[in-house]
N, C-alpha and C. Protein backbone atom coordinates (compact mmCIF):
# COMPACT_ATOMS: atom_id res chain seq x y z
N UNK A 1 26.82 5.16 12.91
CA UNK A 1 26.12 5.87 11.82
C UNK A 1 25.24 6.95 12.42
N UNK A 2 25.27 8.12 11.85
CA UNK A 2 24.48 9.23 12.37
C UNK A 2 23.01 8.96 12.18
N UNK A 3 22.24 9.37 13.20
CA UNK A 3 20.79 9.22 13.13
C UNK A 3 20.21 10.38 12.33
N UNK A 4 19.32 10.05 11.39
CA UNK A 4 18.71 11.09 10.58
C UNK A 4 17.83 11.98 11.44
N UNK A 5 18.00 13.31 11.36
CA UNK A 5 17.17 14.20 12.17
C UNK A 5 15.76 14.26 11.63
N UNK A 6 14.80 14.29 12.51
CA UNK A 6 13.42 14.48 12.10
C UNK A 6 13.02 15.93 12.26
N UNK A 7 11.76 16.25 11.97
CA UNK A 7 11.31 17.62 12.05
C UNK A 7 11.36 18.13 13.49
N UNK A 8 11.06 17.27 14.45
CA UNK A 8 11.09 17.69 15.85
C UNK A 8 12.51 18.06 16.27
N UNK A 9 13.49 17.28 15.81
CA UNK A 9 14.88 17.57 16.15
C UNK A 9 15.34 18.87 15.52
N UNK A 10 14.85 19.15 14.30
CA UNK A 10 15.17 20.42 13.65
C UNK A 10 14.68 21.58 14.51
N UNK A 11 13.47 21.45 15.03
CA UNK A 11 12.91 22.50 15.86
C UNK A 11 13.72 22.68 17.13
N UNK A 12 14.18 21.56 17.70
CA UNK A 12 14.98 21.63 18.92
C UNK A 12 16.30 22.34 18.69
N UNK A 13 16.80 22.25 17.44
CA UNK A 13 18.05 22.91 17.09
C UNK A 13 17.83 24.36 16.68
N UNK A 14 16.59 24.79 16.71
CA UNK A 14 16.30 26.16 16.33
C UNK A 14 16.02 26.33 14.87
N UNK A 15 15.90 25.23 14.14
CA UNK A 15 15.60 25.29 12.71
C UNK A 15 14.13 24.96 12.50
N UNK A 16 13.48 25.70 11.63
CA UNK A 16 12.06 25.46 11.37
C UNK A 16 11.85 25.19 9.89
N UNK A 17 12.00 23.91 9.46
CA UNK A 17 11.95 23.60 8.03
C UNK A 17 10.59 23.77 7.40
N UNK A 18 9.55 23.94 8.20
CA UNK A 18 8.23 24.09 7.59
C UNK A 18 7.71 25.52 7.72
N UNK A 19 8.59 26.44 8.08
CA UNK A 19 8.14 27.82 8.25
C UNK A 19 7.81 28.44 6.90
N UNK A 20 6.82 29.31 6.93
CA UNK A 20 6.43 30.01 5.71
C UNK A 20 7.57 30.87 5.19
N UNK A 21 8.31 31.49 6.09
CA UNK A 21 9.41 32.35 5.66
C UNK A 21 10.43 31.57 4.87
N UNK A 22 10.81 30.40 5.35
CA UNK A 22 11.82 29.60 4.68
C UNK A 22 11.38 29.19 3.29
N UNK A 23 10.08 28.96 3.11
CA UNK A 23 9.56 28.52 1.82
C UNK A 23 9.75 29.58 0.74
N UNK A 24 9.90 30.82 1.15
CA UNK A 24 9.99 31.89 0.16
C UNK A 24 11.36 32.56 0.13
N UNK A 25 12.34 32.05 0.83
CA UNK A 25 13.68 32.60 0.76
C UNK A 25 14.39 32.07 -0.46
N UNK A 26 15.43 32.81 -0.86
CA UNK A 26 16.21 32.39 -2.02
C UNK A 26 17.18 31.28 -1.68
N UNK A 27 17.37 31.04 -0.39
CA UNK A 27 18.35 30.04 0.04
C UNK A 27 17.67 28.81 0.62
N UNK A 28 16.60 28.37 -0.02
CA UNK A 28 15.91 27.17 0.46
C UNK A 28 16.84 25.96 0.36
N UNK A 29 16.81 25.09 1.35
CA UNK A 29 17.60 23.86 1.25
C UNK A 29 17.16 23.03 0.05
N UNK A 30 18.09 22.27 -0.49
CA UNK A 30 17.82 21.54 -1.73
C UNK A 30 17.94 20.03 -1.52
N UNK A 31 17.19 19.32 -2.33
CA UNK A 31 17.25 17.86 -2.35
C UNK A 31 17.26 17.41 -3.81
N UNK A 32 18.23 16.60 -4.17
CA UNK A 32 18.27 16.04 -5.52
C UNK A 32 17.49 14.72 -5.55
N UNK A 33 16.55 14.66 -6.48
CA UNK A 33 15.69 13.49 -6.65
C UNK A 33 16.18 12.73 -7.88
N UNK A 34 16.88 11.62 -7.65
CA UNK A 34 17.45 10.81 -8.72
C UNK A 34 16.49 9.67 -9.05
N UNK A 35 16.16 9.53 -10.33
CA UNK A 35 15.18 8.52 -10.72
C UNK A 35 15.45 8.03 -12.13
N UNK A 36 15.00 6.82 -12.39
CA UNK A 36 14.96 6.24 -13.72
C UNK A 36 13.49 6.00 -14.03
N UNK A 37 13.05 6.36 -15.22
CA UNK A 37 11.64 6.18 -15.57
C UNK A 37 11.23 4.70 -15.55
N UNK A 38 12.20 3.80 -15.64
CA UNK A 38 11.88 2.37 -15.58
C UNK A 38 11.64 1.90 -14.15
N UNK A 39 11.94 2.73 -13.17
CA UNK A 39 11.86 2.35 -11.77
C UNK A 39 10.44 2.43 -11.25
N UNK A 40 9.95 1.32 -10.72
CA UNK A 40 8.56 1.26 -10.25
C UNK A 40 8.30 2.21 -9.08
N UNK A 41 9.15 2.17 -8.07
CA UNK A 41 8.90 2.99 -6.89
C UNK A 41 9.21 4.47 -7.11
N UNK A 42 9.85 4.79 -8.24
CA UNK A 42 10.02 6.20 -8.58
C UNK A 42 8.69 6.83 -8.98
N UNK A 43 7.72 6.00 -9.38
CA UNK A 43 6.40 6.51 -9.76
C UNK A 43 5.72 7.21 -8.58
N UNK A 44 5.47 6.53 -7.45
CA UNK A 44 4.85 7.26 -6.35
C UNK A 44 5.71 8.38 -5.80
N UNK A 45 7.03 8.19 -5.81
CA UNK A 45 7.92 9.25 -5.32
C UNK A 45 7.76 10.52 -6.15
N UNK A 46 7.71 10.36 -7.47
CA UNK A 46 7.60 11.52 -8.35
C UNK A 46 6.28 12.25 -8.16
N UNK A 47 5.23 11.51 -7.83
CA UNK A 47 3.91 12.13 -7.64
C UNK A 47 3.75 12.71 -6.24
N UNK A 48 4.55 12.26 -5.29
CA UNK A 48 4.42 12.73 -3.91
C UNK A 48 5.35 13.89 -3.57
N UNK A 49 6.47 14.00 -4.27
CA UNK A 49 7.57 14.82 -3.76
C UNK A 49 7.28 16.32 -3.75
N UNK A 50 6.57 16.84 -4.73
CA UNK A 50 6.38 18.30 -4.80
C UNK A 50 5.62 18.86 -3.60
N UNK A 51 4.43 18.33 -3.26
CA UNK A 51 3.72 18.90 -2.10
C UNK A 51 4.45 18.68 -0.77
N UNK A 52 5.10 17.52 -0.63
CA UNK A 52 5.85 17.27 0.60
C UNK A 52 7.03 18.21 0.72
N UNK A 53 7.71 18.48 -0.38
CA UNK A 53 8.85 19.39 -0.36
C UNK A 53 8.40 20.81 -0.06
N UNK A 54 7.27 21.22 -0.59
CA UNK A 54 6.75 22.56 -0.33
C UNK A 54 6.45 22.72 1.15
N UNK A 55 5.87 21.72 1.76
CA UNK A 55 5.56 21.77 3.19
C UNK A 55 6.83 21.83 4.02
N UNK A 56 7.87 21.09 3.59
CA UNK A 56 9.13 21.05 4.32
C UNK A 56 10.01 22.26 4.05
N UNK A 57 9.64 23.08 3.07
CA UNK A 57 10.48 24.22 2.73
C UNK A 57 11.76 23.84 2.02
N UNK A 58 11.68 22.80 1.20
CA UNK A 58 12.85 22.28 0.48
C UNK A 58 12.59 22.38 -1.01
N UNK A 59 13.59 22.84 -1.75
CA UNK A 59 13.48 22.85 -3.20
C UNK A 59 14.03 21.55 -3.76
N UNK A 60 13.37 20.99 -4.75
CA UNK A 60 13.73 19.69 -5.31
C UNK A 60 14.27 19.86 -6.71
N UNK A 61 15.35 19.15 -6.99
CA UNK A 61 15.91 19.11 -8.34
C UNK A 61 15.69 17.72 -8.91
N UNK A 62 14.92 17.63 -9.98
CA UNK A 62 14.69 16.36 -10.65
C UNK A 62 15.96 15.97 -11.41
N UNK A 63 16.46 14.75 -11.17
CA UNK A 63 17.70 14.29 -11.78
C UNK A 63 17.50 12.93 -12.44
N UNK A 64 16.99 12.90 -13.68
CA UNK A 64 16.86 11.62 -14.38
C UNK A 64 18.21 11.02 -14.72
N UNK A 65 18.31 9.71 -14.63
CA UNK A 65 19.54 9.00 -15.00
C UNK A 65 19.15 7.60 -15.44
N UNK A 66 20.14 6.80 -15.81
CA UNK A 66 19.88 5.44 -16.29
C UNK A 66 20.43 4.42 -15.30
N UNK A 67 19.57 3.52 -14.86
CA UNK A 67 20.01 2.47 -13.94
C UNK A 67 20.77 1.36 -14.64
N UNK A 68 20.55 1.20 -15.96
CA UNK A 68 21.18 0.09 -16.68
C UNK A 68 22.67 -0.04 -16.45
N UNK A 69 23.45 1.03 -16.68
CA UNK A 69 24.89 0.92 -16.47
C UNK A 69 25.27 0.60 -15.03
N UNK A 70 24.48 1.08 -14.08
CA UNK A 70 24.75 0.80 -12.67
C UNK A 70 24.47 -0.67 -12.36
N UNK A 71 23.38 -1.20 -12.90
CA UNK A 71 23.10 -2.62 -12.72
C UNK A 71 24.18 -3.48 -13.38
N UNK A 72 24.60 -3.07 -14.58
CA UNK A 72 25.63 -3.83 -15.29
C UNK A 72 26.92 -3.88 -14.49
N UNK A 73 27.24 -2.78 -13.80
CA UNK A 73 28.46 -2.75 -12.99
C UNK A 73 28.37 -3.72 -11.82
N UNK A 74 27.14 -4.09 -11.43
CA UNK A 74 26.93 -5.05 -10.36
C UNK A 74 26.76 -6.47 -10.89
N UNK A 75 26.89 -6.64 -12.22
CA UNK A 75 26.77 -7.96 -12.82
C UNK A 75 25.36 -8.37 -13.16
N UNK A 76 24.43 -7.40 -13.17
CA UNK A 76 23.03 -7.69 -13.49
C UNK A 76 22.73 -7.26 -14.91
N UNK A 77 21.95 -8.07 -15.63
CA UNK A 77 21.57 -7.71 -16.99
C UNK A 77 20.11 -7.28 -17.07
N UNK A 78 19.44 -7.21 -15.91
CA UNK A 78 18.06 -6.75 -15.85
C UNK A 78 17.78 -6.30 -14.42
N UNK A 79 16.55 -5.92 -14.16
CA UNK A 79 16.17 -5.49 -12.82
C UNK A 79 16.26 -6.65 -11.82
N UNK A 80 16.67 -6.38 -10.59
CA UNK A 80 16.67 -7.44 -9.58
C UNK A 80 15.28 -8.00 -9.32
N UNK A 81 14.24 -7.23 -9.66
CA UNK A 81 12.88 -7.74 -9.51
C UNK A 81 12.58 -8.82 -10.54
N UNK A 82 13.35 -8.85 -11.63
CA UNK A 82 13.25 -9.94 -12.60
C UNK A 82 14.18 -11.09 -12.25
N UNK A 83 15.32 -10.74 -11.68
CA UNK A 83 16.29 -11.78 -11.32
C UNK A 83 15.79 -12.65 -10.18
N UNK A 84 14.99 -12.05 -9.30
CA UNK A 84 14.46 -12.77 -8.14
C UNK A 84 12.93 -12.72 -8.21
N UNK A 85 12.31 -13.72 -8.84
CA UNK A 85 10.87 -13.68 -9.12
C UNK A 85 9.99 -13.44 -7.89
N UNK A 86 10.33 -14.05 -6.76
CA UNK A 86 9.52 -13.85 -5.57
C UNK A 86 9.53 -12.38 -5.15
N UNK A 87 10.69 -11.78 -5.24
CA UNK A 87 10.82 -10.36 -4.92
C UNK A 87 10.02 -9.51 -5.91
N UNK A 88 10.04 -9.92 -7.17
CA UNK A 88 9.29 -9.20 -8.20
C UNK A 88 7.80 -9.29 -7.97
N UNK A 89 7.31 -10.48 -7.65
CA UNK A 89 5.88 -10.63 -7.38
C UNK A 89 5.45 -9.77 -6.20
N UNK A 90 6.28 -9.74 -5.17
CA UNK A 90 5.96 -8.91 -4.01
C UNK A 90 5.94 -7.43 -4.39
N UNK A 91 6.92 -7.01 -5.18
CA UNK A 91 7.01 -5.60 -5.56
C UNK A 91 5.75 -5.14 -6.27
N UNK A 92 5.26 -5.92 -7.23
CA UNK A 92 4.08 -5.51 -7.99
C UNK A 92 2.86 -5.42 -7.09
N UNK A 93 2.70 -6.36 -6.18
CA UNK A 93 1.56 -6.29 -5.26
C UNK A 93 1.72 -5.11 -4.31
N UNK A 94 2.93 -4.88 -3.83
CA UNK A 94 3.19 -3.77 -2.93
C UNK A 94 2.91 -2.43 -3.62
N UNK A 95 3.34 -2.33 -4.87
CA UNK A 95 3.10 -1.09 -5.61
C UNK A 95 1.61 -0.87 -5.83
N UNK A 96 0.89 -1.95 -6.10
CA UNK A 96 -0.56 -1.84 -6.29
C UNK A 96 -1.23 -1.32 -5.01
N UNK A 97 -0.83 -1.87 -3.87
CA UNK A 97 -1.39 -1.40 -2.60
C UNK A 97 -1.03 0.05 -2.34
N UNK A 98 0.22 0.39 -2.59
CA UNK A 98 0.69 1.75 -2.35
C UNK A 98 -0.06 2.76 -3.20
N UNK A 99 -0.22 2.45 -4.47
CA UNK A 99 -0.95 3.35 -5.37
C UNK A 99 -2.40 3.51 -4.94
N UNK A 100 -3.01 2.42 -4.47
CA UNK A 100 -4.39 2.51 -3.97
C UNK A 100 -4.47 3.44 -2.78
N UNK A 101 -3.51 3.35 -1.88
CA UNK A 101 -3.49 4.22 -0.70
C UNK A 101 -3.32 5.69 -1.09
N UNK A 102 -2.54 5.94 -2.15
CA UNK A 102 -2.25 7.31 -2.57
C UNK A 102 -3.26 7.85 -3.57
N UNK A 103 -4.19 7.01 -4.01
CA UNK A 103 -5.16 7.44 -5.00
C UNK A 103 -4.57 7.58 -6.39
N UNK A 104 -3.52 6.80 -6.66
CA UNK A 104 -2.87 6.82 -7.97
C UNK A 104 -3.37 5.66 -8.82
N UNK A 105 -3.54 5.89 -10.10
CA UNK A 105 -3.88 4.81 -11.00
C UNK A 105 -2.73 3.82 -11.06
N UNK A 106 -3.05 2.54 -11.21
CA UNK A 106 -2.00 1.54 -11.36
C UNK A 106 -2.43 0.48 -12.36
N UNK A 107 -1.54 0.21 -13.28
CA UNK A 107 -1.72 -0.88 -14.23
C UNK A 107 -0.33 -1.40 -14.58
N UNK A 108 -0.10 -2.65 -14.35
CA UNK A 108 1.23 -3.22 -14.57
C UNK A 108 1.56 -3.28 -16.06
N UNK A 109 2.69 -2.69 -16.46
CA UNK A 109 3.08 -2.76 -17.87
C UNK A 109 3.39 -4.19 -18.30
N UNK A 110 3.18 -4.47 -19.57
CA UNK A 110 3.49 -5.81 -20.08
C UNK A 110 4.99 -6.05 -20.09
N UNK A 111 5.75 -5.01 -20.36
CA UNK A 111 7.21 -5.11 -20.42
C UNK A 111 7.82 -4.41 -19.21
N UNK A 112 8.72 -5.10 -18.54
CA UNK A 112 9.44 -4.50 -17.41
C UNK A 112 10.84 -5.09 -17.33
N UNK A 113 11.85 -4.22 -17.19
CA UNK A 113 11.75 -2.76 -17.24
C UNK A 113 11.65 -2.27 -18.67
N UNK A 114 11.03 -1.12 -18.84
CA UNK A 114 10.94 -0.52 -20.16
C UNK A 114 12.20 0.29 -20.46
N UNK A 115 12.61 0.36 -21.72
CA UNK A 115 13.71 1.24 -22.07
C UNK A 115 13.33 2.69 -21.75
N UNK A 116 14.15 3.36 -20.99
CA UNK A 116 13.81 4.70 -20.53
C UNK A 116 14.68 5.79 -21.14
N UNK A 117 15.52 5.42 -22.10
CA UNK A 117 16.46 6.37 -22.68
C UNK A 117 15.76 7.57 -23.30
N UNK A 118 14.76 7.32 -24.14
CA UNK A 118 14.07 8.41 -24.83
C UNK A 118 13.40 9.35 -23.84
N UNK A 119 12.66 8.80 -22.89
CA UNK A 119 11.96 9.64 -21.91
C UNK A 119 12.95 10.47 -21.09
N UNK A 120 14.08 9.88 -20.73
CA UNK A 120 15.07 10.61 -19.93
C UNK A 120 15.66 11.77 -20.71
N UNK A 121 15.95 11.55 -21.98
CA UNK A 121 16.50 12.63 -22.79
C UNK A 121 15.49 13.76 -22.96
N UNK A 122 14.23 13.41 -23.22
CA UNK A 122 13.19 14.43 -23.37
C UNK A 122 13.02 15.18 -22.05
N UNK A 123 13.08 14.46 -20.94
CA UNK A 123 12.95 15.11 -19.64
C UNK A 123 14.04 16.15 -19.43
N UNK A 124 15.25 15.85 -19.87
CA UNK A 124 16.34 16.82 -19.72
C UNK A 124 16.07 18.09 -20.53
N UNK A 125 15.47 17.93 -21.70
CA UNK A 125 15.09 19.10 -22.49
C UNK A 125 14.08 19.93 -21.69
N UNK A 126 13.09 19.27 -21.12
CA UNK A 126 12.05 19.97 -20.39
C UNK A 126 12.52 20.57 -19.09
N UNK A 127 13.46 19.92 -18.42
CA UNK A 127 13.95 20.43 -17.15
C UNK A 127 14.79 21.68 -17.32
N UNK A 128 15.26 21.92 -18.54
CA UNK A 128 15.96 23.17 -18.84
C UNK A 128 14.96 24.29 -19.09
N UNK A 129 13.68 23.93 -19.17
CA UNK A 129 12.59 24.88 -19.35
C UNK A 129 11.67 24.74 -18.13
N UNK A 130 10.42 25.13 -18.26
CA UNK A 130 9.53 25.11 -17.10
C UNK A 130 8.52 23.95 -17.13
N UNK A 131 8.65 23.03 -18.08
CA UNK A 131 7.68 21.95 -18.18
C UNK A 131 8.26 20.57 -17.84
N UNK A 132 9.49 20.54 -17.44
CA UNK A 132 10.16 19.26 -17.23
C UNK A 132 9.56 18.40 -16.13
N UNK A 133 9.29 19.00 -14.97
CA UNK A 133 8.75 18.19 -13.87
C UNK A 133 7.36 17.66 -14.20
N UNK A 134 6.54 18.49 -14.82
CA UNK A 134 5.22 18.03 -15.21
C UNK A 134 5.29 16.90 -16.22
N UNK A 135 6.25 17.00 -17.13
CA UNK A 135 6.43 15.92 -18.11
C UNK A 135 6.86 14.63 -17.42
N UNK A 136 7.77 14.73 -16.46
CA UNK A 136 8.22 13.54 -15.73
C UNK A 136 7.04 12.83 -15.06
N UNK A 137 6.19 13.61 -14.42
CA UNK A 137 5.03 13.00 -13.77
C UNK A 137 4.10 12.36 -14.80
N UNK A 138 3.96 13.02 -15.95
CA UNK A 138 3.10 12.47 -17.00
C UNK A 138 3.64 11.14 -17.53
N UNK A 139 4.94 11.03 -17.66
CA UNK A 139 5.56 9.78 -18.12
C UNK A 139 5.29 8.66 -17.13
N UNK A 140 5.48 8.94 -15.84
CA UNK A 140 5.23 7.90 -14.84
C UNK A 140 3.77 7.47 -14.83
N UNK A 141 2.86 8.43 -14.95
CA UNK A 141 1.43 8.08 -15.00
C UNK A 141 1.12 7.20 -16.20
N UNK A 142 1.70 7.56 -17.35
CA UNK A 142 1.44 6.79 -18.56
C UNK A 142 2.00 5.37 -18.44
N UNK A 143 3.16 5.24 -17.84
CA UNK A 143 3.83 3.94 -17.76
C UNK A 143 3.20 3.01 -16.73
N UNK A 144 3.01 3.52 -15.51
CA UNK A 144 2.55 2.65 -14.43
C UNK A 144 1.08 2.87 -14.07
N UNK A 145 0.47 3.92 -14.59
CA UNK A 145 -0.95 4.13 -14.38
C UNK A 145 -1.80 3.63 -15.53
N UNK A 146 -1.19 3.62 -16.75
CA UNK A 146 -1.92 3.23 -17.95
C UNK A 146 -1.26 2.07 -18.69
N UNK A 147 -0.10 1.61 -18.22
CA UNK A 147 0.66 0.54 -18.89
C UNK A 147 1.08 0.95 -20.29
N UNK A 148 1.39 2.24 -20.48
CA UNK A 148 1.83 2.73 -21.78
C UNK A 148 3.29 2.43 -22.05
N UNK A 149 3.66 2.49 -23.33
CA UNK A 149 5.04 2.26 -23.73
C UNK A 149 5.77 3.59 -23.80
N UNK A 150 6.69 3.82 -22.86
CA UNK A 150 7.38 5.10 -22.81
C UNK A 150 8.58 5.16 -23.76
N UNK A 151 8.88 4.05 -24.41
CA UNK A 151 9.93 4.06 -25.43
C UNK A 151 9.35 4.30 -26.82
N UNK A 152 8.05 4.57 -26.88
CA UNK A 152 7.36 4.81 -28.14
C UNK A 152 7.30 6.30 -28.42
N UNK A 153 7.78 6.71 -29.58
CA UNK A 153 7.82 8.14 -29.92
C UNK A 153 6.42 8.74 -29.91
N UNK A 154 5.43 7.99 -30.39
CA UNK A 154 4.07 8.51 -30.42
C UNK A 154 3.54 8.78 -29.01
N UNK A 155 3.89 7.90 -28.07
CA UNK A 155 3.47 8.11 -26.68
C UNK A 155 4.11 9.37 -26.11
N UNK A 156 5.40 9.52 -26.33
CA UNK A 156 6.10 10.70 -25.81
C UNK A 156 5.55 11.98 -26.44
N UNK A 157 5.29 11.93 -27.75
CA UNK A 157 4.72 13.11 -28.43
C UNK A 157 3.36 13.48 -27.83
N UNK A 158 2.56 12.46 -27.54
CA UNK A 158 1.25 12.72 -26.94
C UNK A 158 1.39 13.34 -25.55
N UNK A 159 2.35 12.88 -24.79
CA UNK A 159 2.55 13.41 -23.44
C UNK A 159 3.08 14.84 -23.46
N UNK A 160 3.71 15.22 -24.55
CA UNK A 160 4.24 16.58 -24.67
C UNK A 160 3.17 17.61 -25.00
N UNK A 161 2.10 17.19 -25.62
CA UNK A 161 1.10 18.11 -26.14
C UNK A 161 0.53 19.08 -25.09
N UNK A 162 0.20 18.63 -23.88
CA UNK A 162 -0.39 19.56 -22.91
C UNK A 162 0.53 20.69 -22.47
N UNK A 163 1.82 20.58 -22.77
CA UNK A 163 2.77 21.57 -22.29
C UNK A 163 3.02 22.70 -23.29
N UNK A 164 2.29 22.67 -24.40
CA UNK A 164 2.38 23.76 -25.37
C UNK A 164 3.71 23.84 -26.09
N UNK A 165 4.35 22.69 -26.26
CA UNK A 165 5.63 22.65 -26.98
C UNK A 165 5.44 21.86 -28.27
N UNK A 166 6.35 22.06 -29.19
CA UNK A 166 6.31 21.34 -30.47
C UNK A 166 7.00 19.99 -30.28
N UNK A 167 6.26 18.87 -30.31
CA UNK A 167 6.88 17.56 -30.08
C UNK A 167 8.06 17.28 -31.02
N UNK A 168 7.93 17.64 -32.29
CA UNK A 168 9.02 17.37 -33.23
C UNK A 168 10.28 18.13 -32.83
N UNK A 169 10.11 19.37 -32.42
CA UNK A 169 11.26 20.18 -32.00
C UNK A 169 11.90 19.59 -30.75
N UNK A 170 11.07 19.20 -29.78
CA UNK A 170 11.59 18.64 -28.53
C UNK A 170 12.30 17.32 -28.80
N UNK A 171 11.70 16.47 -29.62
CA UNK A 171 12.31 15.17 -29.91
C UNK A 171 13.63 15.33 -30.65
N UNK A 172 13.72 16.34 -31.49
CA UNK A 172 14.98 16.62 -32.18
C UNK A 172 16.05 17.05 -31.17
N UNK A 173 15.67 17.92 -30.24
CA UNK A 173 16.63 18.36 -29.22
C UNK A 173 17.06 17.19 -28.35
N UNK A 174 16.14 16.27 -28.09
CA UNK A 174 16.45 15.13 -27.24
C UNK A 174 17.50 14.21 -27.86
N UNK A 175 17.63 14.26 -29.19
CA UNK A 175 18.62 13.44 -29.89
C UNK A 175 19.92 14.19 -30.15
N UNK A 176 20.02 15.40 -29.63
CA UNK A 176 21.23 16.20 -29.86
C UNK A 176 22.38 15.70 -28.99
N UNK A 177 23.58 15.97 -29.43
CA UNK A 177 24.75 15.51 -28.68
C UNK A 177 24.84 16.12 -27.28
N UNK A 178 24.50 17.42 -27.10
CA UNK A 178 24.55 17.96 -25.73
C UNK A 178 23.64 17.23 -24.76
N UNK A 179 22.44 16.84 -25.20
CA UNK A 179 21.52 16.13 -24.31
C UNK A 179 22.02 14.72 -24.05
N UNK A 180 22.53 14.06 -25.08
CA UNK A 180 23.08 12.72 -24.89
C UNK A 180 24.23 12.75 -23.88
N UNK A 181 25.08 13.75 -24.01
CA UNK A 181 26.21 13.90 -23.09
C UNK A 181 25.73 14.19 -21.68
N UNK A 182 24.71 15.03 -21.58
CA UNK A 182 24.18 15.38 -20.27
C UNK A 182 23.64 14.17 -19.54
N UNK A 183 22.96 13.28 -20.25
CA UNK A 183 22.42 12.08 -19.62
C UNK A 183 23.54 11.12 -19.22
N UNK A 184 24.55 10.98 -20.07
CA UNK A 184 25.69 10.13 -19.71
C UNK A 184 26.38 10.68 -18.47
N UNK A 185 26.56 11.99 -18.43
CA UNK A 185 27.21 12.62 -17.28
C UNK A 185 26.38 12.44 -16.01
N UNK A 186 25.05 12.53 -16.15
CA UNK A 186 24.18 12.35 -14.99
C UNK A 186 24.30 10.94 -14.45
N UNK A 187 24.36 9.96 -15.32
CA UNK A 187 24.48 8.57 -14.89
C UNK A 187 25.81 8.33 -14.20
N UNK A 188 26.87 8.92 -14.74
CA UNK A 188 28.19 8.81 -14.10
C UNK A 188 28.20 9.50 -12.74
N UNK A 189 27.53 10.65 -12.66
CA UNK A 189 27.46 11.37 -11.38
C UNK A 189 26.71 10.54 -10.35
N UNK A 190 25.65 9.87 -10.77
CA UNK A 190 24.90 9.01 -9.85
C UNK A 190 25.79 7.89 -9.31
N UNK A 191 26.58 7.29 -10.19
CA UNK A 191 27.49 6.24 -9.75
C UNK A 191 28.50 6.77 -8.75
N UNK A 192 29.03 7.96 -9.02
CA UNK A 192 30.02 8.55 -8.13
C UNK A 192 29.44 8.90 -6.77
N UNK A 193 28.15 9.18 -6.73
CA UNK A 193 27.48 9.47 -5.47
C UNK A 193 27.16 8.21 -4.67
N UNK A 194 27.38 7.06 -5.28
CA UNK A 194 27.09 5.80 -4.61
C UNK A 194 25.66 5.34 -4.79
N UNK A 195 24.95 5.93 -5.76
CA UNK A 195 23.58 5.53 -6.01
C UNK A 195 23.56 4.15 -6.67
N UNK A 196 22.71 3.28 -6.16
CA UNK A 196 22.64 1.91 -6.67
C UNK A 196 21.23 1.51 -7.08
N UNK A 197 20.27 2.39 -6.85
CA UNK A 197 18.88 2.10 -7.20
C UNK A 197 18.08 3.38 -7.23
N UNK A 198 16.81 3.26 -7.58
CA UNK A 198 15.94 4.43 -7.67
C UNK A 198 14.57 4.09 -7.09
N UNK A 199 13.94 5.12 -6.51
CA UNK A 199 14.39 6.50 -6.41
C UNK A 199 15.45 6.65 -5.32
N UNK A 200 16.33 7.62 -5.52
CA UNK A 200 17.31 7.99 -4.52
C UNK A 200 17.24 9.49 -4.31
N UNK A 201 17.59 9.90 -3.11
CA UNK A 201 17.56 11.32 -2.76
C UNK A 201 18.88 11.69 -2.12
N UNK A 202 19.47 12.79 -2.56
CA UNK A 202 20.77 13.22 -2.04
C UNK A 202 20.64 14.65 -1.54
N UNK A 203 21.03 14.87 -0.30
CA UNK A 203 20.94 16.19 0.31
C UNK A 203 22.18 17.02 0.00
N UNK A 204 22.12 18.30 0.37
CA UNK A 204 23.23 19.21 0.08
C UNK A 204 24.52 18.78 0.77
N UNK A 205 24.41 18.09 1.92
CA UNK A 205 25.60 17.64 2.62
C UNK A 205 26.01 16.23 2.23
N UNK A 206 25.41 15.71 1.14
CA UNK A 206 25.83 14.43 0.59
C UNK A 206 25.20 13.20 1.19
N UNK A 207 24.16 13.38 2.01
CA UNK A 207 23.50 12.22 2.61
C UNK A 207 22.61 11.55 1.56
N UNK A 208 22.73 10.22 1.46
CA UNK A 208 22.00 9.45 0.46
C UNK A 208 20.86 8.68 1.12
N UNK A 209 19.66 8.80 0.53
CA UNK A 209 18.50 8.05 0.97
C UNK A 209 17.96 7.29 -0.24
N UNK A 210 17.60 6.03 -0.03
CA UNK A 210 17.13 5.19 -1.14
C UNK A 210 15.73 4.69 -0.86
N UNK A 211 14.85 4.87 -1.82
CA UNK A 211 13.53 4.30 -1.74
C UNK A 211 12.44 5.32 -1.50
N UNK A 212 11.28 5.07 -2.09
CA UNK A 212 10.13 5.93 -1.91
C UNK A 212 9.77 6.10 -0.44
N UNK A 213 9.99 5.05 0.35
CA UNK A 213 9.64 5.11 1.77
C UNK A 213 10.65 5.90 2.60
N UNK A 214 11.69 6.42 1.98
CA UNK A 214 12.65 7.28 2.67
C UNK A 214 12.50 8.75 2.25
N UNK A 215 11.47 9.06 1.47
CA UNK A 215 11.31 10.43 0.98
C UNK A 215 11.13 11.43 2.12
N UNK A 216 10.23 11.13 3.06
CA UNK A 216 10.01 12.07 4.16
C UNK A 216 11.26 12.27 5.00
N UNK A 217 11.98 11.19 5.24
CA UNK A 217 13.23 11.29 6.01
C UNK A 217 14.26 12.14 5.27
N UNK A 218 14.35 11.95 3.95
CA UNK A 218 15.29 12.73 3.16
C UNK A 218 14.95 14.22 3.20
N UNK A 219 13.67 14.54 3.13
CA UNK A 219 13.25 15.95 3.17
C UNK A 219 13.56 16.57 4.53
N UNK A 220 13.32 15.82 5.59
CA UNK A 220 13.62 16.32 6.94
C UNK A 220 15.11 16.59 7.10
N UNK A 221 15.94 15.67 6.60
CA UNK A 221 17.39 15.86 6.69
C UNK A 221 17.82 17.06 5.85
N UNK A 222 17.27 17.16 4.63
CA UNK A 222 17.62 18.28 3.75
C UNK A 222 17.26 19.61 4.39
N UNK A 223 16.11 19.67 5.07
CA UNK A 223 15.68 20.91 5.70
C UNK A 223 16.66 21.34 6.78
N UNK A 224 17.22 20.40 7.50
CA UNK A 224 18.22 20.73 8.53
C UNK A 224 19.58 21.05 7.90
N UNK A 225 19.95 20.25 6.90
CA UNK A 225 21.28 20.43 6.29
C UNK A 225 21.37 21.74 5.54
N UNK A 226 20.21 22.24 5.05
CA UNK A 226 20.22 23.47 4.27
C UNK A 226 20.53 24.69 5.09
């Protein structure tokens, strides 16, 4: 198996992924950030990725999808953190520690996993505009920082308000057939890429990294692959 290149190795190859010039070129290397709003570790990843990517000179594409069909294909009817209680207990404590280290609010939701269909569809509407990434971060903060219900229309409408959009208009677009199809296609694309969990990161050369703790490695690889 190939060893993932780090920033030092990029420099040795003559590539400088953190150069100021690269950050402003039109051909910045890209990294696809695949996430489900129900995913716990996607919360810190979503809040960390923008500044880290800017430093690495990598452009990030937010790619919401649904883990449910992928879990079902593996014979699971819920999150593995529910199927294996000891693993679940560890995850919640680990996430609490991680959020404390990052200065992120944390409050465990009463329901896990939460239905993420509505939030994902709204995110796709926003990602076609300029407010999508900010909305994604707001959803994660509401869900895992405030224990909010992200399947609640009132919650989503409230989260939309700071972006200067009409919640009713956005929610209507989110229920349109093109958006529904786009989310189904995204989930199928994730399966075809071999994604089995979230967060996942896929580089331009098809390298797959899984987990919030692989974000820096994924960015380093993307900077070289670009």
